[in-house]
Protein backbone atom coordinates (compact mmCIF):
# COMPACT_ATOMS: atom_id res chain seq x y z
CA MET A 1 0.05 0.00 -0.10
CA ASP A 2 1.26 3.62 -0.99
CA GLU A 3 2.76 5.73 2.09
CA THR A 4 0.08 8.50 1.08
CA VAL A 5 -2.71 6.10 1.34
CA ALA A 6 -1.76 4.68 4.60
CA GLU A 7 -1.39 8.28 5.99
CA TYR A 8 -4.48 9.44 4.81
CA ILE A 9 -6.29 6.43 6.31
CA ARG A 10 -4.65 7.16 9.46
CA ARG A 11 -5.57 10.76 9.65
CA THR A 12 -9.18 9.76 8.74
CA VAL A 13 -9.55 7.53 11.58
CA LEU A 14 -8.09 10.08 13.79
CA ARG A 15 -10.77 12.51 12.90
CA ILE A 16 -13.46 9.69 14.19
CA PRO A 17 -14.55 9.75 17.73
CA ARG A 18 -13.21 6.67 19.49
CA ASP A 19 -16.52 5.20 20.30
CA GLU A 20 -17.68 5.57 16.69
CA ILE A 21 -14.60 4.01 15.11
CA LYS A 22 -15.98 0.56 15.10
CA MET A 23 -19.33 1.61 13.44
CA MET A 24 -17.63 3.62 11.04
CA LEU A 25 -15.29 0.67 9.85
CA GLN A 26 -18.30 -1.85 9.85
CA LYS A 27 -20.14 0.76 7.37
CA TRP A 28 -16.97 1.11 5.28
CA GLY A 29 -16.79 -2.66 4.73
CA PHE A 30 -13.31 -2.79 3.57
CA LEU A 31 -11.95 -4.97 6.57
CA SER A 32 -13.71 -8.24 7.50
CA GLU A 33 -15.40 -8.84 10.70
CA ALA A 34 -12.61 -11.22 11.84
CA GLN A 35 -10.03 -8.46 11.28
CA LEU A 36 -12.22 -5.79 13.19
CA GLN A 37 -12.29 -8.27 16.19
CA THR A 38 -8.40 -8.01 16.40
CA LEU A 39 -8.76 -4.43 17.22
CA ASN A 40 -8.83 -2.94 20.52
CA PHE A 41 -11.04 0.04 20.52
CA HIS A 42 -10.14 0.95 24.01
CA GLN A 43 -6.77 2.26 23.42
CA ILE A 44 -5.83 5.55 22.35
CA LYS A 45 -6.54 6.76 18.84
CA ASP A 46 -3.12 6.93 17.83
CA ARG A 47 -2.58 3.25 18.20
CA ILE A 48 -6.04 2.50 16.94
CA SER A 49 -5.25 4.26 13.65
CA GLN A 50 -2.08 2.56 13.28
CA GLU A 51 -3.61 -1.01 13.70
CA VAL A 52 -6.16 -0.07 10.96
CA VAL A 53 -3.29 0.92 8.81
CA GLN A 54 -1.70 -2.34 9.30
CA LEU A 55 -4.98 -4.33 8.26
CA CYS A 56 -5.61 -2.16 5.28
CA GLU A 57 -2.11 -3.01 4.20
CA GLU A 58 -2.87 -6.48 4.46
CA ASN A 59 -5.96 -5.91 2.22
CA SER A 60 -3.91 -3.79 -0.29
CA ALA A 61 -6.00 -0.59 0.15
CA ASP A 62 -5.99 2.09 -2.47
CA ILE A 63 -6.71 5.62 -2.45
CA LYS A 64 -10.23 4.84 -3.77
CA GLN A 65 -11.10 2.67 -0.72
CA ALA A 66 -9.62 5.48 1.63
CA ALA A 67 -11.98 7.86 -0.27
CA VAL A 68 -15.02 5.83 0.47
CA LEU A 69 -14.13 5.95 4.37
CA ASP A 70 -13.71 9.75 3.95
CA ILE A 71 -17.26 9.85 2.26
CA ILE A 72 -18.85 7.90 5.04
CA TYR A 73 -17.34 10.22 7.62
CA ASN A 74 -18.51 13.14 5.85
CA HIS A 75 -21.88 11.68 5.42
CA ILE A 76 -22.30 11.28 9.33
CA TYR A 77 -20.79 14.47 9.94
CA GLN A 78 -22.10 16.83 6.93
CA ASN A 79 -22.47 19.87 9.13
CA LYS A 80 -18.70 20.16 9.48
CA ARG A 81 -18.88 21.36 5.74
CA ARG A 82 -20.40 24.43 4.31
CA TRP A 83 -22.91 23.74 1.32
CA SER A 84 -24.18 25.65 -1.57
CA VAL A 85 -27.40 24.47 -3.79
CA TYR A 86 -27.32 24.45 -7.61
CA GLN A 87 -30.36 23.88 -9.73
CA MET A 88 -29.98 22.28 -13.24
CA LYS A 89 -32.59 22.47 -16.07
CA LYS A 90 -33.18 20.59 -18.92
CA SER A 91 -33.76 21.89 -22.41
CA GLY A 92 -37.01 20.30 -22.96
CA GLU A 93 -39.59 18.81 -20.38
CA GLU A 94 -38.74 15.11 -21.51
CA VAL A 95 -38.28 12.82 -18.64
CA GLU A 96 -35.75 10.20 -18.85
CA TYR A 97 -34.66 6.97 -17.09
CA PHE A 98 -31.61 7.63 -14.80
CA ASP A 99 -29.03 5.07 -14.99
CA ILE A 100 -26.46 5.21 -12.47
CA THR A 101 -23.77 3.34 -14.18
CA ASP A 102 -24.18 5.68 -17.20
CA PHE A 103 -24.09 8.69 -14.88
CA LYS A 104 -20.98 7.62 -13.32
CA LYS A 105 -19.33 6.85 -16.84
CA LYS A 106 -20.16 10.19 -18.14
CA PHE A 107 -19.13 12.20 -15.00
CA LYS A 108 -15.75 10.59 -14.90
CA ARG A 109 -15.11 10.83 -18.75
CA ARG A 110 -15.97 14.47 -19.03
CA LEU A 111 -14.01 15.52 -15.64
CA ARG A 112 -10.87 13.50 -16.81
CA SER A 113 -10.95 14.80 -20.24
CA ALA A 114 -10.18 18.28 -18.84
CA LEU A 115 -7.99 17.23 -15.67
CA LYS A 116 -6.04 13.98 -15.71
CA ASN A 117 -4.63 14.31 -12.13
CA VAL A 118 -8.08 13.80 -10.36
CA THR A 119 -9.66 11.28 -8.00
CA ILE A 120 -13.51 10.64 -8.32
CA THR A 121 -15.29 8.38 -5.72
CA PHE A 122 -18.92 7.65 -5.75
CA LYS A 123 -21.25 6.20 -2.95
CA GLU A 124 -24.97 5.74 -3.09
CA TYR A 125 -27.34 6.02 -0.28
CA GLU A 126 -30.90 4.76 0.33
CA ASP A 127 -32.50 8.20 -0.10
CA ASP A 128 -31.60 8.27 -4.00
CA ALA A 129 -28.70 10.54 -2.89
CA ILE A 130 -25.39 9.97 -4.80
CA TRP A 131 -22.34 11.22 -2.79
CA ILE A 132 -19.42 12.26 -5.23
CA ARG A 133 -16.17 12.92 -3.82
CA VAL A 134 -13.53 14.91 -5.99
CA ALA A 135 -9.95 15.29 -5.01
CA TRP A 136 -8.12 17.72 -7.41
CA GLY A 137 -4.56 17.89 -8.85
CA THR A 138 -2.98 19.77 -11.39
CA PRO A 139 -1.37 18.80 -14.87
CA TYR A 140 2.01 18.39 -12.78
CA LYS A 141 0.63 17.33 -9.20
CA LYS A 142 -1.21 14.38 -7.93
CA PRO A 143 -4.61 15.19 -6.41
CA ASN A 144 -4.68 16.64 -2.96
CA GLN A 145 -6.81 14.31 -1.02
CA TYR A 146 -7.13 16.62 1.88
CA LYS A 147 -8.96 19.43 0.18
CA PRO A 148 -11.58 17.62 -1.85
CA SER A 149 -14.95 18.74 -3.09
CA TYR A 150 -18.27 16.69 -2.08
CA VAL A 151 -21.39 16.77 -4.36
CA VAL A 152 -24.70 15.31 -3.21
CA TYR A 153 -26.86 14.81 -6.19
CA HIS A 154 -30.69 13.34 -5.95
CA SER A 155 -31.22 11.66 -9.02
CA GLN A 156 -35.00 12.33 -9.21
CA THR A 157 -34.49 16.00 -8.77
CA PRO A 158 -32.74 18.81 -10.50
CA TYR A 159 -30.91 19.97 -7.45
CA VAL A 160 -27.32 19.64 -6.46
CA PHE A 161 -25.47 20.21 -3.12
CA ILE A 162 -21.91 21.22 -3.26
CA SER A 163 -19.16 21.77 -0.54
CA ALA A 164 -16.19 22.99 -2.62
CA SER A 165 -12.64 22.97 -1.98
CA VAL A 166 -10.66 26.13 -2.08
CA LEU A 167 -9.90 25.68 -5.43
CA LYS A 168 -12.87 27.51 -6.85
CA GLY A 169 -11.34 27.59 -10.56
CA ASN A 170 -12.58 23.88 -10.55
CA MET A 171 -16.03 24.72 -10.12
CA PRO A 172 -16.78 25.06 -13.91
CA LEU A 173 -15.39 21.87 -14.61
CA LEU A 174 -17.45 20.35 -11.92
CA CYS A 175 -20.57 21.90 -13.17
CA GLN A 176 -19.94 20.72 -16.69
CA ALA A 177 -19.36 17.34 -15.57
CA LEU A 178 -22.62 17.15 -13.59
CA ILE A 179 -24.91 18.61 -16.31
CA VAL A 180 -23.50 16.30 -19.10
CA ALA A 181 -23.75 13.36 -17.02
CA SER A 182 -27.16 14.00 -15.69
CA ASN A 183 -28.51 15.14 -19.10
CA TYR A 184 -29.32 18.49 -18.15
CA HIS A 185 -28.60 21.72 -20.17
CA ASP A 186 -27.84 24.54 -17.54
CA ILE A 187 -26.93 24.71 -13.93
CA CYS A 188 -27.39 27.83 -11.58
CA GLU A 189 -26.34 28.80 -8.04
CA MET A 190 -29.46 29.45 -5.95
CA GLU A 191 -27.52 31.77 -3.53
CA LEU A 192 -28.52 29.26 -0.40
CA ARG A 193 -25.78 28.23 1.88
CA SER A 194 -25.76 26.55 5.23
CA HIS A 195 -23.72 23.97 7.36
CA SER A 196 -26.96 21.97 7.59
CA LEU A 197 -27.37 19.84 4.51
CA ASN A 198 -30.77 18.31 5.72
CA SER A 199 -32.15 21.95 6.08
CA LEU A 200 -31.11 23.13 2.60
CA LYS A 201 -32.97 19.76 1.35
CA ASP A 202 -35.96 20.65 3.43
CA ILE A 203 -36.08 24.30 1.47
CA VAL A 204 -35.48 23.18 -1.99
CA PHE A 205 -37.44 20.04 -1.95
CA LYS A 206 -40.51 22.03 -0.16
CA ARG A 207 -40.26 19.33 2.76
CA TYR A 208 -41.53 21.88 5.11
CA SER A 209 -44.35 24.44 5.14
CA GLN A 210 -42.96 27.80 6.20
CA ASN A 211 -44.03 27.39 9.65
CA PHE A 212 -41.83 28.62 12.54
CA GLN A 213 -42.51 28.63 16.55
CA THR A 214 -43.33 32.09 17.48
CA TYR A 215 -43.32 34.12 20.68
CA THR A 216 -45.93 33.11 23.27
CA THR A 217 -46.86 35.07 26.23
CA LYS A 218 -46.41 33.77 29.76
CA PRO A 219 -48.33 34.89 32.97
CA LEU A 220 -46.19 37.13 35.16
CA GLN A 221 -45.57 35.67 38.25
CA GLY A 222 -45.71 37.97 41.58
CA GLY A 223 -47.66 38.80 44.64
CA ASP A 224 -51.05 39.80 45.03
CA VAL A 225 -50.45 43.63 44.66
CA VAL A 226 -53.63 45.18 42.57
CA PRO A 227 -52.18 47.85 40.07
CA GLU A 228 -53.55 51.22 39.45
CA ILE A 229 -56.23 51.83 36.68
CA GLU A 230 -53.42 53.58 34.42
CA ASP A 231 -51.13 50.39 34.95
CA ILE A 232 -53.87 47.93 34.23
CA ARG A 233 -54.41 49.63 30.89
CA ILE A 234 -50.77 49.43 29.97
CA VAL A 235 -50.71 45.83 31.11
CA LEU A 236 -53.64 45.10 28.95
CA GLU A 237 -52.15 46.95 25.81
CA ASN A 238 -48.85 45.47 26.07
CA ARG A 239 -50.61 41.98 26.24
CA SER A 240 -52.93 42.88 23.31
CA GLU A 241 -49.99 43.95 21.41
CA LYS A 242 -48.04 40.64 22.15
CA GLU A 243 -51.11 38.70 21.22
CA ARG A 244 -51.45 40.43 17.96
CA ILE A 245 -47.71 39.92 17.14
CA HIS A 246 -48.18 36.32 18.09
CA ARG A 247 -51.28 35.82 15.86
CA VAL A 248 -49.64 37.79 12.88
CA ASN A 249 -46.46 35.51 13.24
CA GLN A 250 -48.40 32.40 13.18
CA GLU A 251 -50.34 33.49 10.12
CA VAL A 252 -46.99 34.39 8.37
CA PHE A 253 -44.87 31.68 9.70
CA GLY A 254 -46.92 28.81 11.21
CA SER A 255 -45.87 26.61 13.94
CA GLY A 256 -43.73 23.77 12.09
CA PRO A 257 -39.95 23.09 12.16
CA LEU A 258 -37.34 25.58 11.18
CA PRO A 259 -34.77 24.73 8.57
CA LYS A 260 -31.36 26.04 9.58
CA LEU A 261 -30.27 28.35 6.80
CA GLU A 262 -26.91 30.59 7.11
CA PHE A 263 -26.76 32.42 3.83
CA ALA A 264 -29.48 33.89 1.36
CA GLN A 265 -28.90 36.33 -1.57
CA TYR A 266 -31.17 37.55 -4.09
CA ARG A 267 -31.03 40.64 -6.53
CA LEU A 268 -33.71 43.48 -6.09
CA GLU A 269 -34.92 45.74 -9.05
CA THR A 270 -37.47 48.48 -8.22
CA MET A 271 -38.31 52.01 -9.83
CA PHE A 272 -36.63 55.02 -7.78
CA LYS A 273 -39.52 57.36 -6.82
CA SER A 274 -38.73 61.15 -6.22
CA ASP A 275 -40.48 64.47 -6.39
CA PRO A 276 -40.66 65.64 -9.90
CA LYS A 277 -39.60 69.10 -9.15
CA MET A 278 -36.41 67.96 -7.44
CA ASP A 279 -35.05 66.42 -10.89
CA VAL A 280 -33.06 63.84 -9.05
CA LEU A 281 -33.03 61.37 -11.97
CA ASP A 282 -32.89 62.40 -15.80
CA LYS A 283 -33.89 58.87 -16.98
CA LYS A 284 -36.44 56.67 -15.43
CA GLU A 285 -34.30 53.60 -14.68
CA PRO A 286 -34.65 51.21 -12.20
CA PHE A 287 -32.72 50.93 -9.04
CA ARG A 288 -30.99 47.60 -8.74
CA CYS A 289 -29.18 46.25 -5.49
CA LEU A 290 -27.82 42.81 -4.24
CA VAL A 291 -29.73 41.76 -0.90
CA ARG A 292 -27.44 39.42 1.47
CA PHE A 293 -28.35 38.00 4.57
CA SER A 294 -26.23 36.09 6.90
CA SER A 295 -26.60 34.60 10.28
CA PRO A 296 -25.83 31.47 12.10
CA HIS A 297 -29.46 30.85 12.07
CA LEU A 298 -30.98 33.09 9.51
CA LEU A 299 -34.57 32.09 9.72
CA GLU A 300 -34.70 31.82 13.39
CA SER A 301 -33.20 35.57 13.32
CA LEU A 302 -35.99 36.87 11.32
CA LYS A 303 -38.75 34.91 13.21
CA SER A 304 -37.55 36.89 16.52
CA LEU A 305 -37.58 40.27 15.06
CA ALA A 306 -41.19 41.25 15.72
CA PRO A 307 -41.61 39.81 19.32
CA ALA A 308 -38.35 41.47 20.20
CA GLY A 309 -39.70 44.70 19.12
CA MET A 310 -36.90 45.37 16.46
CA ALA A 311 -39.50 45.22 13.59
CA ASP A 312 -43.35 45.81 12.96
CA ALA A 313 -45.54 42.77 12.52
CA PRO A 314 -46.01 41.42 10.03
CA LEU A 315 -42.52 41.31 8.67
CA SER A 316 -41.93 42.64 5.17
CA PRO A 317 -42.34 40.29 2.38
CA LEU A 318 -38.70 40.77 1.40
CA LEU A 319 -37.72 38.96 4.56
CA THR A 320 -40.35 36.31 4.91
CA CYS A 321 -40.10 35.10 1.32
CA ILE A 322 -36.06 34.46 1.35
CA PRO A 323 -36.64 30.56 0.92
CA HIS A 324 -39.07 31.29 -2.08
CA LYS A 325 -37.03 33.94 -3.44
CA ALA A 326 -33.89 31.59 -3.52
CA ARG A 327 -36.08 29.07 -4.98
CA ASN A 328 -37.29 31.30 -8.05
CA TYR A 329 -33.74 32.96 -8.36
CA PHE A 330 -33.16 30.11 -11.13
CA LYS A 331 -36.51 30.89 -12.96
CA ILE A 332 -35.46 34.77 -13.29
CA ARG A 333 -32.04 34.23 -14.44
CA GLU A 334 -33.43 31.57 -17.05
CA LYS A 335 -35.82 34.30 -18.35
CA LYS A 336 -33.00 36.86 -18.58
CA GLY A 337 -30.34 34.51 -20.06
CA LEU A 338 -28.02 34.99 -17.30
CA PHE A 339 -26.60 31.25 -17.15
CA PRO A 340 -22.66 31.48 -17.59
CA GLU A 341 -21.40 30.29 -20.76
CA SER A 342 -19.04 27.92 -19.29
CA PHE A 343 -21.96 26.05 -17.34
CA VAL A 344 -23.93 25.42 -20.60
CA SER A 345 -23.43 21.96 -21.97
CA PRO A 346 -22.69 21.64 -25.76
């Protein structure tokens, strides 16, 4: 077994929590059950990793087997990576039968025709998700296994989730390989990003209604002091306002689960209105701007604005429709012909 493969397997094992190493090695399936029985999982991880490498040497492991173990780790700890959503579109409305073997063959052929030094690994999961791991090299260097790109493609949908490496220049190659292998024509980034892959899937697959938990009033705990009439009016007004905000938020957001979204972006175009006497603009041109939202939990932050008194209720549609705007961003670009030429299949 190559020394670089041995070192990569050792480092991958070291990333795994010790009480989960046996479970991940079983999911990997490269080592036999008898070999796993020889491992002492109660010793320090460094020693466990060395023993795993020795067993892999007996089985003549190569970089493809090591890459599968890495995919298993990233599938379980997918929130450690930052994911972006891309949407593909066919030139027509025809529905074709998806052949996974044909998809893999086309993907490899397209990518390797542009770049020889590249490692491509696939793993299929039960939810029709195909995980693709791409380790990038250069014409003169071997692939860097420590900075790969990950692609999650659901074969029955036009959506692709990509966690890219630092080599952003390889994104056009990756997008070209995807649209050719899946028989699509165009691809466009949806401007949705998050560490929570499942939340992004919930948004684009519409597996949730925009229902968020909202503020609920709690009775004040205290003594039996009777307030003055003015105080009673203030209390009633505050309670009435909180109930109104709760009711409005309930109508806008609902009470369902909240996907974790960290980044959203869309372009805004509107007409600038001013007093004709001021003569601010000589021409009636639309005002354009790029709207970006970023937060550790974006939708949760928006949900709390009205109850916290930082915004009026109901919130502006510009805020509450962020997931919907992101889903429609692809359609807007399609109408305006804004797809990058490098992403259009021949």
